[in-house]
Amino acid sequence: MKIDNIDYVQSITKKMTLNLSEVIKVQEYTLDELTSSIKDLNTDEKEKILEDIINNQLVELKDKSEEKIKNVFKQVDDITDYFIKYYDDNSDIVSECDDIANDLLFKALGKNNRKLELPINLSYIKNYCLSSTIKGNQLYDSLVWISLRLVAISYCIKYNDGLEEDKNEE
């Protein structure tokens, strides 16, 4: 019996170690890594890429139910927390950009009879959505964060739908 316990303990310890190593890997993700992929592009190219990402996600999500979207918000927050970036002036773009992404999405859904005609122009977000507390050096981080949130919402919905399908097959 003692040998079985030792094997069981080693098995659980190994599983815990593997899971911890996966967590440590994702803790190393940063928003800078996401923005670095566009940092060498000129302003027009950056804006076009981000505009396309935002529009693609809004189009993909606009037919989802509000309930399905709201059901993944906690999961999305947990995932995107790995990418939070802290600025020297202690500013936080996350909550503002989360609100902007959510608002754009709910407008695309037509919530409260508000409409958002797609595709949306990035200048709309820059001029009417971002507050004056967003500094110039935070503009692209903010736009990337909005994109990241929309991509994460879409991913989590697909992931959860896949889990439901697997459950139904059992």
Protein backbone atom coordinates (compact mmCIF):
# COMPACT_ATOMS: atom_id res chain seq x y z
CA MET A 1 0.00 0.00 0.00
CA LYS A 2 2.84 2.37 0.80
CA ILE A 3 4.31 1.96 -2.71
CA ASP A 4 0.97 2.96 -4.23
CA ASN A 5 0.92 6.13 -2.12
CA ILE A 6 4.43 7.05 -3.23
CA ASP A 7 3.48 6.62 -6.90
CA TYR A 8 0.32 8.64 -6.36
CA VAL A 9 2.22 11.42 -4.57
CA GLN A 10 4.83 11.54 -7.34
CA SER A 11 2.12 11.60 -9.99
CA ILE A 12 0.31 14.51 -8.36
CA THR A 13 3.55 16.37 -7.69
CA LYS A 14 4.56 15.98 -11.33
CA LYS A 15 1.17 17.26 -12.50
CA MET A 16 1.40 20.26 -10.15
CA THR A 17 4.90 21.03 -11.37
CA LEU A 18 3.81 20.90 -15.00
CA ASN A 19 0.84 23.15 -14.29
CA LEU A 20 3.01 25.61 -12.37
CA SER A 21 5.52 25.73 -15.21
CA GLU A 22 2.68 26.63 -17.61
CA VAL A 23 1.53 29.44 -15.29
CA ILE A 24 5.06 30.80 -15.02
CA LYS A 25 5.37 30.84 -18.81
CA VAL A 26 2.27 32.99 -19.25
CA GLN A 27 3.27 35.34 -16.46
CA GLU A 28 6.10 36.46 -18.71
CA TYR A 29 3.73 37.88 -21.36
CA THR A 30 3.60 41.63 -21.62
CA LEU A 31 1.64 44.22 -23.52
CA ASP A 32 4.96 45.44 -24.94
CA GLU A 33 5.35 42.10 -26.73
CA LEU A 34 2.01 42.63 -28.41
CA THR A 35 2.76 46.24 -29.39
CA SER A 36 6.27 45.36 -30.55
CA SER A 37 4.79 43.58 -33.53
CA ILE A 38 3.54 46.91 -34.87
CA LYS A 39 6.12 49.33 -33.44
CA ASP A 40 8.23 49.39 -36.61
CA LEU A 41 5.27 50.19 -38.86
CA ASN A 42 4.48 53.75 -39.82
CA THR A 43 1.49 55.44 -38.20
CA ASP A 44 -0.92 54.73 -41.07
CA GLU A 45 0.04 51.05 -41.16
CA LYS A 46 -0.31 50.69 -37.38
CA GLU A 47 -3.72 52.27 -37.42
CA LYS A 48 -4.92 50.19 -40.35
CA ILE A 49 -3.81 46.94 -38.69
CA LEU A 50 -5.47 47.83 -35.38
CA GLU A 51 -8.60 49.09 -37.11
CA ASP A 52 -8.88 45.81 -39.03
CA ILE A 53 -8.41 43.71 -35.87
CA ILE A 54 -11.08 45.66 -34.01
CA ASN A 55 -13.52 45.54 -36.93
CA ASN A 56 -12.94 41.85 -37.60
CA GLN A 57 -13.66 41.02 -33.97
CA LEU A 58 -16.75 43.24 -33.81
CA VAL A 59 -18.13 41.62 -36.98
CA GLU A 60 -17.42 38.15 -35.58
CA LEU A 61 -19.05 38.95 -32.24
CA LYS A 62 -22.04 41.04 -33.33
CA ASP A 63 -24.27 37.98 -33.76
CA LYS A 64 -23.50 36.56 -30.31
CA SER A 65 -25.96 37.01 -27.49
CA GLU A 66 -25.32 39.61 -24.82
CA GLU A 67 -25.62 36.86 -22.20
CA LYS A 68 -22.98 34.71 -23.90
CA ILE A 69 -20.63 37.70 -24.04
CA LYS A 70 -21.19 38.74 -20.44
CA ASN A 71 -20.64 35.15 -19.30
CA VAL A 72 -17.00 35.28 -20.44
CA PHE A 73 -16.06 38.67 -18.97
CA LYS A 74 -14.48 37.21 -15.80
CA GLN A 75 -12.55 34.67 -17.85
CA VAL A 76 -11.41 37.42 -20.23
CA ASP A 77 -10.29 39.61 -17.32
CA ASP A 78 -8.29 36.73 -15.86
CA ILE A 79 -6.57 36.13 -19.19
CA THR A 80 -5.85 39.73 -20.12
CA ASP A 81 -4.46 40.48 -16.65
CA TYR A 82 -1.26 38.78 -17.81
CA PHE A 83 -0.70 41.65 -20.24
CA ILE A 84 -1.19 44.60 -17.88
CA LYS A 85 1.49 47.22 -18.27
CA TYR A 86 2.33 49.72 -15.56
CA TYR A 87 3.50 53.18 -16.49
CA ASP A 88 5.95 55.36 -14.57
CA ASP A 89 3.14 57.79 -13.77
CA ASN A 90 0.98 54.96 -12.32
CA SER A 91 -1.66 55.45 -15.00
CA ASP A 92 -3.92 52.57 -15.87
CA ILE A 93 -5.36 52.23 -19.35
CA VAL A 94 -6.89 48.83 -18.69
CA SER A 95 -10.22 49.74 -17.14
CA GLU A 96 -10.86 52.54 -19.61
CA CYS A 97 -10.01 50.40 -22.61
CA ASP A 98 -12.01 47.45 -21.26
CA ASP A 99 -15.01 49.79 -21.00
CA ILE A 100 -14.42 51.10 -24.53
CA ALA A 101 -14.15 47.60 -26.00
CA ASN A 102 -17.30 46.50 -24.16
CA ASP A 103 -19.20 49.60 -25.23
CA LEU A 104 -18.20 49.19 -28.87
CA LEU A 105 -19.25 45.55 -28.71
CA PHE A 106 -22.62 46.29 -27.10
CA LYS A 107 -23.26 49.02 -29.67
CA ALA A 108 -22.45 46.53 -32.43
CA LEU A 109 -25.00 44.18 -30.83
CA GLY A 110 -27.57 46.99 -30.79
CA LYS A 111 -27.97 46.98 -27.00
CA ASN A 112 -30.34 49.69 -25.71
CA ASN A 113 -31.16 50.60 -29.32
CA ARG A 114 -27.67 52.01 -29.79
CA LYS A 115 -26.16 51.23 -33.14
CA LEU A 116 -22.62 51.08 -34.38
CA GLU A 117 -22.17 50.97 -38.11
CA LEU A 118 -19.34 48.68 -39.06
CA PRO A 119 -16.63 49.04 -40.09
CA ILE A 120 -15.68 51.60 -37.49
CA ASN A 121 -12.92 54.08 -38.25
CA LEU A 122 -10.06 54.16 -35.74
CA SER A 123 -10.25 57.95 -35.66
CA TYR A 124 -13.68 57.56 -34.00
CA ILE A 125 -12.08 55.64 -31.13
CA LYS A 126 -9.17 58.04 -30.86
CA ASN A 127 -11.33 61.17 -30.98
CA TYR A 128 -14.48 60.14 -29.13
CA CYS A 129 -13.75 57.13 -26.95
CA LEU A 130 -10.31 57.60 -25.41
CA SER A 131 -10.19 60.10 -22.58
CA SER A 132 -7.72 62.93 -22.31
CA THR A 133 -5.92 60.99 -19.58
CA ILE A 134 -4.47 58.70 -22.26
CA LYS A 135 -1.09 60.16 -23.07
CA GLY A 136 0.57 60.03 -26.48
CA ASN A 137 2.90 57.21 -25.48
CA GLN A 138 -0.14 55.19 -24.38
CA LEU A 139 -2.20 55.56 -27.55
CA TYR A 140 -1.08 52.36 -29.27
CA ASP A 141 -1.06 50.42 -26.01
CA SER A 142 -4.68 51.52 -25.57
CA LEU A 143 -5.68 50.50 -29.07
CA VAL A 144 -3.87 47.18 -28.72
CA TRP A 145 -5.64 46.62 -25.39
CA ILE A 146 -9.05 47.22 -27.01
CA SER A 147 -8.07 44.75 -29.74
CA LEU A 148 -6.79 42.24 -27.17
CA ARG A 149 -10.02 42.39 -25.17
CA LEU A 150 -12.18 41.80 -28.24
CA VAL A 151 -9.97 38.91 -29.40
CA ALA A 152 -10.09 37.42 -25.88
CA ILE A 153 -13.88 37.67 -25.76
CA SER A 154 -14.14 35.90 -29.09
CA TYR A 155 -11.63 33.24 -28.04
CA CYS A 156 -13.36 32.53 -24.72
CA ILE A 157 -16.75 32.18 -26.37
CA LYS A 158 -15.34 29.71 -28.89
CA TYR A 159 -13.46 27.86 -26.16
CA ASN A 160 -16.55 27.58 -23.94
CA ASP A 161 -18.69 26.51 -26.90
CA GLY A 162 -16.14 23.76 -27.58
CA LEU A 163 -16.36 22.61 -23.96
CA GLU A 164 -20.15 22.43 -24.22
CA GLU A 165 -19.88 20.38 -27.42
CA ASP A 166 -17.48 17.97 -25.71
CA LYS A 167 -19.92 17.63 -22.79
CA ASN A 168 -22.82 16.94 -25.13
CA GLU A 169 -20.83 14.23 -26.94
CA GLU A 170 -20.21 12.36 -23.67
